[in-house]
C-alpha atoms as a PDB file:
ATOM      1  CA  MET A   1     -38.523 -74.917 -50.104  1.00  0.00           C
ATOM      2  CA  VAL A   2     -41.338 -72.698 -50.942  1.00  0.00           C
ATOM      3  CA  ASP A   3     -43.107 -71.711 -47.933  1.00  0.00           C
ATOM      4  CA  PRO A   4     -40.695 -72.078 -44.697  1.00  0.00           C
ATOM      5  CA  VAL A   5     -42.261 -72.113 -41.305  1.00  0.00           C
ATOM      6  CA  SER A   6     -40.783 -72.071 -37.818  1.00  0.00           C
ATOM      7  CA  LEU A   7     -41.673 -74.459 -34.969  1.00  0.00           C
ATOM      8  CA  CYS A   8     -41.642 -73.523 -31.294  1.00  0.00           C
ATOM      9  CA  THR A   9     -38.371 -75.254 -31.138  1.00  0.00           C
ATOM     10  CA  GLY A  10     -36.687 -73.047 -33.831  1.00  0.00           C
ATOM     11  CA  THR A  11     -36.691 -75.630 -36.408  1.00  0.00           C
ATOM     12  CA  THR A  12     -37.512 -74.508 -39.907  1.00  0.00           C
ATOM     13  CA  CYS A  13     -39.753 -76.755 -42.276  1.00  0.00           C
ATOM     14  CA  GLU A  14     -41.692 -76.530 -45.427  1.00  0.00           C
ATOM     15  CA  ARG A  15     -45.182 -75.772 -44.479  1.00  0.00           C
ATOM     16  CA  SER A  16     -46.544 -78.609 -46.364  1.00  0.00           C
ATOM     17  CA  ALA A  17     -44.142 -81.112 -45.140  1.00  0.00           C
ATOM     18  CA  ILE A  18     -44.853 -80.370 -41.507  1.00  0.00           C
ATOM     19  CA  GLU A  19     -48.442 -80.296 -42.069  1.00  0.00           C
ATOM     20  CA  GLY A  20     -48.250 -83.832 -43.523  1.00  0.00           C
ATOM     21  CA  TRP A  21     -46.091 -84.752 -40.359  1.00  0.00           C
ATOM     22  CA  PHE A  22     -48.700 -83.345 -37.942  1.00  0.00           C
ATOM     23  CA  TYR A  23     -51.669 -84.822 -40.158  1.00  0.00           C
ATOM     24  CA  ASP A  24     -50.012 -88.282 -39.754  1.00  0.00           C
ATOM     25  CA  GLY A  25     -50.204 -87.994 -35.890  1.00  0.00           C
ATOM     26  CA  ASN A  26     -46.727 -86.802 -34.978  1.00  0.00           C
ATOM     27  CA  SER A  27     -46.403 -84.079 -32.430  1.00  0.00           C
ATOM     28  CA  THR A  28     -42.730 -84.164 -32.250  1.00  0.00           C
ATOM     29  CA  ASP A  29     -40.126 -81.948 -33.922  1.00  0.00           C
ATOM     30  CA  PRO A  30     -39.040 -83.906 -36.859  1.00  0.00           C
ATOM     31  CA  ASP A  31     -35.281 -82.911 -36.574  1.00  0.00           C
ATOM     32  CA  THR A  32     -34.908 -83.482 -32.872  1.00  0.00           C
ATOM     33  CA  ASN A  33     -37.727 -85.661 -32.019  1.00  0.00           C
ATOM     34  CA  GLU A  34     -38.527 -83.173 -28.986  1.00  0.00           C
ATOM     35  CA  VAL A  35     -42.236 -83.138 -28.048  1.00  0.00           C
ATOM     36  CA  LEU A  36     -43.902 -80.029 -29.232  1.00  0.00           C
ATOM     37  CA  GLU A  37     -45.821 -77.891 -26.652  1.00  0.00           C
ATOM     38  CA  ASP A  38     -47.086 -75.827 -29.412  1.00  0.00           C
ATOM     39  CA  LEU A  39     -48.178 -76.997 -32.748  1.00  0.00           C
ATOM     40  CA  SER A  40     -48.617 -73.441 -34.132  1.00  0.00           C
ATOM     41  CA  LEU A  41     -46.336 -72.553 -37.263  1.00  0.00           C
ATOM     42  CA  ARG A  42     -44.706 -69.234 -37.893  1.00  0.00           C
ATOM     43  CA  SER A  43     -43.972 -67.888 -41.447  1.00  0.00           C
ATOM     44  CA  ASN A  44     -40.226 -67.533 -41.666  1.00  0.00           C
ATOM     45  CA  ILE A  45     -40.386 -64.538 -43.754  1.00  0.00           C
ATOM     46  CA  PRO A  46     -36.843 -63.587 -43.964  1.00  0.00           C
ATOM     47  CA  LEU A  47     -35.791 -67.170 -45.200  1.00  0.00           C
ATOM     48  CA  ARG A  48     -38.802 -67.126 -47.716  1.00  0.00           C
ATOM     49  CA  GLN A  49     -37.269 -63.773 -48.912  1.00  0.00           C
ATOM     50  CA  SER A  50     -33.979 -65.218 -49.424  1.00  0.00           C
ATOM     51  CA  ILE A  51     -35.213 -68.142 -51.334  1.00  0.00           C
ATOM     52  CA  GLU A  52     -37.200 -65.964 -53.608  1.00  0.00           C
ATOM     53  CA  GLU A  53     -34.143 -63.778 -54.148  1.00  0.00           C
ATOM     54  CA  TRP A  54     -32.119 -67.014 -54.837  1.00  0.00           C
ATOM     55  CA  ARG A  55     -34.517 -68.417 -57.465  1.00  0.00           C
ATOM     56  CA  GLU A  56     -34.622 -64.978 -59.134  1.00  0.00           C
ATOM     57  CA  LEU A  57     -30.730 -64.945 -59.549  1.00  0.00           C
ATOM     58  CA  ASN A  58     -30.932 -68.684 -60.725  1.00  0.00           C
ATOM     59  CA  TYR A  59     -33.581 -67.621 -63.270  1.00  0.00           C
ATOM     60  CA  CYS A  60     -31.291 -64.968 -64.407  1.00  0.00           C
ATOM     61  CA  LEU A  61     -28.373 -67.098 -64.737  1.00  0.00           C
ATOM     62  CA  LEU A  62     -30.412 -69.703 -66.576  1.00  0.00           C
ATOM     63  CA  ILE A  63     -31.746 -67.191 -68.977  1.00  0.00           C
ATOM     64  CA  ARG A  64     -28.105 -65.981 -69.606  1.00  0.00           C
ATOM     65  CA  SER A  65     -27.097 -69.398 -70.331  1.00  0.00           C
ATOM     66  CA  ILE A  66     -30.114 -70.089 -72.555  1.00  0.00           C
ATOM     67  CA  ARG A  67     -29.239 -66.808 -74.378  1.00  0.00           C
ATOM     68  CA  GLU A  68     -25.625 -67.990 -75.011  1.00  0.00           C
ATOM     69  CA  ASN A  69     -26.795 -71.463 -76.379  1.00  0.00           C
ATOM     70  CA  LEU A  70     -29.480 -69.987 -78.593  1.00  0.00           C
ATOM     71  CA  LEU A  71     -26.871 -67.323 -80.105  1.00  0.00           C
ATOM     72  CA  LEU A  72     -24.593 -70.186 -80.778  1.00  0.00           C
ATOM     73  CA  ASN A  73     -27.261 -72.451 -82.257  1.00  0.00           C
ATOM     74  CA  SER A  74     -26.405 -74.901 -79.760  1.00  0.00           C
ATOM     75  CA  ASN A  75     -28.652 -77.228 -78.023  1.00  0.00           C
ATOM     76  CA  LEU A  76     -31.616 -75.481 -79.418  1.00  0.00           C
ATOM     77  CA  GLN A  77     -34.236 -78.032 -78.301  1.00  0.00           C
ATOM     78  CA  GLU A  78     -32.883 -78.021 -74.805  1.00  0.00           C
ATOM     79  CA  SER A  79     -32.834 -74.211 -74.452  1.00  0.00           C
ATOM     80  CA  LEU A  80     -36.354 -73.970 -75.978  1.00  0.00           C
ATOM     81  CA  SER A  81     -37.560 -76.824 -73.260  1.00  0.00           C
ATOM     82  CA  GLN A  82     -35.834 -74.694 -70.614  1.00  0.00           C
ATOM     83  CA  MET A  83     -37.556 -71.519 -71.666  1.00  0.00           C
ATOM     84  CA  GLN A  84     -40.978 -73.377 -71.675  1.00  0.00           C
ATOM     85  CA  ALA A  85     -40.214 -74.705 -68.008  1.00  0.00           C
ATOM     86  CA  LEU A  86     -39.326 -71.180 -66.822  1.00  0.00           C
ATOM     87  CA  ILE A  87     -42.557 -70.014 -68.268  1.00  0.00           C
ATOM     88  CA  ALA A  88     -44.553 -72.676 -66.663  1.00  0.00           C
ATOM     89  CA  GLU A  89     -42.897 -72.409 -63.292  1.00  0.00           C
ATOM     90  CA  ASN A  90     -43.287 -68.656 -62.891  1.00  0.00           C
ATOM     91  CA  SER A  91     -45.036 -65.950 -64.718  1.00  0.00           C
ATOM     92  CA  ILE A  92     -42.529 -63.510 -63.770  1.00  0.00           C
ATOM     93  CA  ASN A  93     -40.075 -65.327 -65.922  1.00  0.00           C
ATOM     94  CA  LYS A  94     -41.853 -63.794 -69.080  1.00  0.00           C
ATOM     95  CA  ASP A  95     -40.579 -60.541 -68.086  1.00  0.00           C
ATOM     96  CA  TRP A  96     -36.932 -62.011 -67.405  1.00  0.00           C
ATOM     97  CA  ILE A  97     -37.163 -63.670 -71.042  1.00  0.00           C
ATOM     98  CA  SER A  98     -38.279 -60.443 -72.747  1.00  0.00           C
ATOM     99  CA  ILE A  99     -35.411 -58.519 -70.821  1.00  0.00           C
ATOM    100  CA  GLY A 100     -32.981 -60.962 -71.852  1.00  0.00           C
ATOM    101  CA  GLU A 101     -34.388 -60.551 -75.350  1.00  0.00           C
ATOM    102  CA  LEU A 102     -34.735 -64.486 -75.804  1.00  0.00           C
ATOM    103  CA  THR A 103     -37.840 -63.816 -77.895  1.00  0.00           C
ATOM    104  CA  ASP A 104     -35.965 -61.811 -80.312  1.00  0.00           C
ATOM    105  CA  ILE A 105     -33.233 -64.450 -80.706  1.00  0.00           C
ATOM    106  CA  VAL A 106     -35.894 -67.046 -81.060  1.00  0.00           C
ATOM    107  CA  ILE A 107     -37.762 -65.392 -83.797  1.00  0.00           C
ATOM    108  CA  SER A 108     -34.595 -64.782 -85.754  1.00  0.00           C
ATOM    109  CA  ILE A 109     -33.737 -68.655 -85.470  1.00  0.00           C
ATOM    110  CA  LEU A 110     -37.304 -69.436 -86.572  1.00  0.00           C
ATOM    111  CA  GLY A 111     -36.684 -67.373 -89.895  1.00  0.00           C
ATOM    112  CA  ASN A 112     -33.361 -68.889 -90.477  1.00  0.00           C
ATOM    113  CA  SER A 113     -34.099 -72.534 -89.574  1.00  0.00           C
ATOM    114  CA  ASN A 114     -34.985 -75.318 -92.076  1.00  0.00           C
ATOM    115  CA  ASP A 115     -35.577 -78.018 -89.043  1.00  0.00           C
ATOM    116  CA  ARG A 116     -39.521 -78.369 -89.060  1.00  0.00           C
ATOM    117  CA  GLU A 117     -39.250 -79.698 -85.536  1.00  0.00           C
ATOM    118  CA  VAL A 118     -37.176 -76.853 -84.282  1.00  0.00           C
ATOM    119  CA  LYS A 119     -39.844 -74.352 -85.866  1.00  0.00           C
ATOM    120  CA  MET A 120     -42.666 -76.028 -84.249  1.00  0.00           C
ATOM    121  CA  LYS A 121     -40.990 -75.984 -80.829  1.00  0.00           C
ATOM    122  CA  ILE A 122     -40.222 -72.315 -81.375  1.00  0.00           C
ATOM    123  CA  LEU A 123     -43.770 -71.408 -82.197  1.00  0.00           C
ATOM    124  CA  ILE A 124     -45.093 -73.277 -79.093  1.00  0.00           C
ATOM    125  CA  THR A 125     -42.581 -71.528 -76.919  1.00  0.00           C
ATOM    126  CA  LEU A 126     -43.236 -68.266 -78.313  1.00  0.00           C
ATOM    127  CA  LYS A 127     -47.170 -68.958 -77.901  1.00  0.00           C
ATOM    128  CA  ASP A 128     -46.280 -69.589 -74.104  1.00  0.00           C
ATOM    129  CA  ALA A 129     -44.093 -66.405 -73.750  1.00  0.00           C
ATOM    130  CA  VAL A 130     -46.624 -64.017 -75.139  1.00  0.00           C
ATOM    131  CA  GLU A 131     -49.793 -65.544 -73.819  1.00  0.00           C
ATOM    132  CA  GLY A 132     -51.084 -63.222 -71.148  1.00  0.00           C
ATOM    133  CA  HIS A 133     -48.146 -60.972 -71.505  1.00  0.00           C
ATOM    134  CA  ALA A 134     -48.622 -57.687 -73.305  1.00  0.00           C
ATOM    135  CA  ARG A 135     -44.966 -56.636 -73.435  1.00  0.00           C
ATOM    136  CA  ASN A 136     -44.017 -59.923 -75.010  1.00  0.00           C
ATOM    137  CA  LYS A 137     -46.834 -59.766 -77.713  1.00  0.00           C
END
């Protein structure tokens, strides 16, 4: 869930999902099938904040896991793919990657690796990490 909203019945839904529900001609609560007197949507800000906090915690945990794998030279390709996915998902993750010292670790692997494919993936990952991010440059 990215943008939770509440219906007049108290049911919470993802905004895009409930808008699609209404667009399809439905005027009932998708959970209870109760006819909705009011089709207005109210942002569920506390839930959105909780979701964002949960995501940030998961980003931190994933970055810690990636860091451990990189330091152990374990699952390099997968770790680099995970870094790229984090960067693509949210630009704030570039900060988390920098704070977790992943760029430094990846650079050291680049200098020590003889695997051309790994080196190429590292260069692509580093390009993604520094693009538009002065601290990582």
